[in-house]
Amino acid sequence: MADSTPLQFDVPDMDCQGCVRSITEALRKLDPNVHVVADLESKRVVIGGEIDAGRAAEAIEAAGFDVKAAG
């Protein structure tokens, strides 16, 4: 079962709203109710919803982005 704590990932090659849209769409395939907040300046994505970290990272990578857990 997924944790309800928001997930945070650094996505270094996210640099435009098109990137944000692609990432959001990929995550919505896993959970249509996911809440995604992307900060282009810090290149960080915060995800709220019922998605586990591994599946979220895989979805972002499948959308064509490098991803790592934010530290």
N, C-alpha and C. Protein backbone atom coordinates (compact mmCIF):
# COMPACT_ATOMS: atom_id res chain seq x y z
N MET A 1 0.85 -1.20 0.00
CA MET A 1 0.00 0.00 0.00
C MET A 1 0.88 1.24 0.00
N ALA A 2 0.51 2.24 -0.75
CA ALA A 2 1.31 3.45 -0.87
C ALA A 2 1.18 4.31 0.38
N ASP A 3 2.24 4.99 0.70
CA ASP A 3 2.27 5.90 1.84
C ASP A 3 1.60 7.21 1.43
N SER A 4 0.94 7.88 2.37
CA SER A 4 0.27 9.14 2.03
C SER A 4 1.20 10.34 2.12
N THR A 5 2.44 10.14 2.56
CA THR A 5 3.43 11.21 2.60
C THR A 5 3.79 11.59 1.16
N PRO A 6 3.79 12.87 0.83
CA PRO A 6 4.15 13.26 -0.54
C PRO A 6 5.54 12.76 -0.93
N LEU A 7 5.66 12.32 -2.16
CA LEU A 7 6.94 11.89 -2.70
C LEU A 7 7.62 13.10 -3.33
N GLN A 8 8.95 13.14 -3.26
CA GLN A 8 9.70 14.23 -3.88
C GLN A 8 10.81 13.64 -4.73
N PHE A 9 10.90 14.13 -5.95
CA PHE A 9 11.93 13.69 -6.88
C PHE A 9 12.61 14.89 -7.51
N ASP A 10 13.90 14.75 -7.77
CA ASP A 10 14.63 15.73 -8.57
C ASP A 10 14.64 15.21 -10.00
N VAL A 11 14.28 16.09 -10.93
CA VAL A 11 14.22 15.73 -12.35
C VAL A 11 15.07 16.77 -13.09
N PRO A 12 16.38 16.51 -13.19
CA PRO A 12 17.31 17.54 -13.70
C PRO A 12 17.06 18.00 -15.13
N ASP A 13 16.42 17.17 -15.95
CA ASP A 13 16.19 17.60 -17.33
C ASP A 13 14.78 18.14 -17.57
N MET A 14 14.03 18.43 -16.51
CA MET A 14 12.72 19.07 -16.62
C MET A 14 12.96 20.58 -16.74
N ASP A 15 12.59 21.16 -17.90
CA ASP A 15 12.91 22.58 -18.06
C ASP A 15 11.81 23.42 -18.70
N CYS A 16 10.60 22.84 -18.87
CA CYS A 16 9.52 23.63 -19.46
C CYS A 16 8.17 23.06 -19.04
N GLN A 17 7.11 23.80 -19.35
CA GLN A 17 5.77 23.34 -19.01
C GLN A 17 5.39 22.07 -19.77
N GLY A 18 5.96 21.88 -20.94
CA GLY A 18 5.72 20.64 -21.68
C GLY A 18 6.26 19.44 -20.92
N CYS A 19 7.42 19.62 -20.28
CA CYS A 19 7.99 18.55 -19.45
C CYS A 19 7.06 18.26 -18.28
N VAL A 20 6.58 19.31 -17.63
CA VAL A 20 5.68 19.15 -16.49
C VAL A 20 4.43 18.40 -16.93
N ARG A 21 3.90 18.76 -18.07
CA ARG A 21 2.70 18.11 -18.60
C ARG A 21 2.96 16.62 -18.87
N SER A 22 4.09 16.31 -19.46
CA SER A 22 4.43 14.91 -19.75
C SER A 22 4.55 14.09 -18.47
N ILE A 23 5.21 14.65 -17.48
CA ILE A 23 5.38 13.97 -16.20
C ILE A 23 4.02 13.78 -15.52
N THR A 24 3.22 14.82 -15.52
CA THR A 24 1.89 14.73 -14.89
C THR A 24 1.03 13.68 -15.57
N GLU A 25 1.03 13.65 -16.89
CA GLU A 25 0.24 12.66 -17.62
C GLU A 25 0.72 11.24 -17.32
N ALA A 26 2.02 11.04 -17.24
CA ALA A 26 2.56 9.71 -16.92
C ALA A 26 2.11 9.26 -15.54
N LEU A 27 2.14 10.17 -14.58
CA LEU A 27 1.73 9.84 -13.21
C LEU A 27 0.23 9.62 -13.12
N ARG A 28 -0.55 10.33 -13.90
CA ARG A 28 -2.01 10.16 -13.88
C ARG A 28 -2.44 8.82 -14.45
N LYS A 29 -1.58 8.19 -15.24
CA LYS A 29 -1.89 6.84 -15.71
C LYS A 29 -1.85 5.85 -14.54
N LEU A 30 -1.07 6.16 -13.52
CA LEU A 30 -0.99 5.30 -12.33
C LEU A 30 -2.09 5.62 -11.33
N ASP A 31 -2.40 6.91 -11.19
CA ASP A 31 -3.42 7.36 -10.25
C ASP A 31 -4.07 8.61 -10.84
N PRO A 32 -5.30 8.48 -11.35
CA PRO A 32 -5.96 9.63 -11.98
C PRO A 32 -6.17 10.81 -11.04
N ASN A 33 -6.11 10.58 -9.74
CA ASN A 33 -6.33 11.64 -8.76
C ASN A 33 -5.04 12.20 -8.17
N VAL A 34 -3.91 11.84 -8.76
CA VAL A 34 -2.62 12.28 -8.23
C VAL A 34 -2.54 13.81 -8.27
N HIS A 35 -1.84 14.35 -7.27
CA HIS A 35 -1.60 15.80 -7.21
C HIS A 35 -0.11 16.01 -7.47
N VAL A 36 0.21 16.73 -8.52
CA VAL A 36 1.60 16.94 -8.92
C VAL A 36 1.92 18.43 -8.84
N VAL A 37 3.00 18.77 -8.14
CA VAL A 37 3.51 20.14 -8.09
C VAL A 37 4.94 20.08 -8.59
N ALA A 38 5.20 20.81 -9.67
CA ALA A 38 6.53 20.82 -10.26
C ALA A 38 7.11 22.23 -10.18
N ASP A 39 8.34 22.30 -9.72
CA ASP A 39 9.05 23.58 -9.63
C ASP A 39 10.18 23.54 -10.65
N LEU A 40 10.01 24.29 -11.73
CA LEU A 40 11.01 24.28 -12.80
C LEU A 40 12.36 24.84 -12.35
N GLU A 41 12.34 25.80 -11.45
CA GLU A 41 13.59 26.41 -11.01
C GLU A 41 14.45 25.41 -10.22
N SER A 42 13.84 24.70 -9.29
CA SER A 42 14.59 23.73 -8.49
C SER A 42 14.64 22.36 -9.15
N LYS A 43 13.83 22.19 -10.21
CA LYS A 43 13.73 20.92 -10.94
C LYS A 43 13.25 19.79 -10.03
N ARG A 44 12.31 20.13 -9.16
CA ARG A 44 11.75 19.18 -8.20
C ARG A 44 10.27 18.95 -8.48
N VAL A 45 9.87 17.69 -8.33
CA VAL A 45 8.48 17.30 -8.48
C VAL A 45 8.01 16.72 -7.15
N VAL A 46 6.89 17.22 -6.66
CA VAL A 46 6.27 16.71 -5.43
C VAL A 46 4.96 16.06 -5.84
N ILE A 47 4.78 14.81 -5.38
CA ILE A 47 3.64 14.01 -5.80
C ILE A 47 2.83 13.60 -4.58
N GLY A 48 1.55 13.91 -4.61
CA GLY A 48 0.64 13.47 -3.57
C GLY A 48 -0.38 12.52 -4.17
N GLY A 49 -0.61 11.42 -3.51
CA GLY A 49 -1.57 10.44 -4.01
C GLY A 49 -1.19 9.05 -3.55
N GLU A 50 -1.82 8.08 -4.14
CA GLU A 50 -1.61 6.69 -3.75
C GLU A 50 -0.69 5.98 -4.74
N ILE A 51 0.49 6.52 -4.95
CA ILE A 51 1.50 5.93 -5.83
C ILE A 51 2.73 5.65 -4.98
N ASP A 52 3.32 4.46 -5.13
CA ASP A 52 4.55 4.23 -4.39
C ASP A 52 5.73 4.83 -5.16
N ALA A 53 6.81 5.05 -4.45
CA ALA A 53 7.96 5.77 -5.01
C ALA A 53 8.55 5.07 -6.22
N GLY A 54 8.66 3.76 -6.16
CA GLY A 54 9.25 3.02 -7.28
C GLY A 54 8.45 3.15 -8.56
N ARG A 55 7.14 3.01 -8.44
CA ARG A 55 6.27 3.13 -9.62
C ARG A 55 6.27 4.56 -10.15
N ALA A 56 6.31 5.54 -9.26
CA ALA A 56 6.34 6.94 -9.70
C ALA A 56 7.62 7.22 -10.47
N ALA A 57 8.75 6.78 -9.94
CA ALA A 57 10.04 6.99 -10.61
C ALA A 57 10.05 6.31 -11.97
N GLU A 58 9.53 5.09 -12.05
CA GLU A 58 9.48 4.38 -13.33
C GLU A 58 8.62 5.13 -14.34
N ALA A 59 7.50 5.69 -13.90
CA ALA A 59 6.63 6.44 -14.81
C ALA A 59 7.32 7.68 -15.34
N ILE A 60 8.04 8.38 -14.47
CA ILE A 60 8.75 9.59 -14.91
C ILE A 60 9.86 9.21 -15.89
N GLU A 61 10.58 8.14 -15.60
CA GLU A 61 11.63 7.67 -16.52
C GLU A 61 11.04 7.24 -17.86
N ALA A 62 9.89 6.55 -17.81
CA ALA A 62 9.24 6.10 -19.06
C ALA A 62 8.79 7.29 -19.90
N ALA A 63 8.54 8.42 -19.25
CA ALA A 63 8.16 9.65 -19.97
C ALA A 63 9.38 10.33 -20.59
N GLY A 64 10.58 9.80 -20.32
CA GLY A 64 11.79 10.30 -20.97
C GLY A 64 12.68 11.18 -20.11
N PHE A 65 12.53 11.10 -18.78
CA PHE A 65 13.29 11.97 -17.90
C PHE A 65 14.17 11.18 -16.95
N ASP A 66 15.30 11.77 -16.61
CA ASP A 66 16.13 11.24 -15.53
C ASP A 66 15.46 11.63 -14.22
N VAL A 67 15.53 10.75 -13.23
CA VAL A 67 14.86 11.04 -11.96
C VAL A 67 15.66 10.44 -10.82
N LYS A 68 15.66 11.15 -9.69
CA LYS A 68 16.25 10.60 -8.48
C LYS A 68 15.46 11.12 -7.29
N ALA A 69 15.42 10.32 -6.24
CA ALA A 69 14.71 10.74 -5.03
C ALA A 69 15.36 12.01 -4.51
N ALA A 70 14.53 12.97 -4.11
CA ALA A 70 15.04 14.23 -3.58
C ALA A 70 15.59 13.97 -2.17
N GLY A 71 16.71 14.58 -1.89
CA GLY A 71 17.33 14.39 -0.58
C GLY A 71 17.33 15.59 0.27
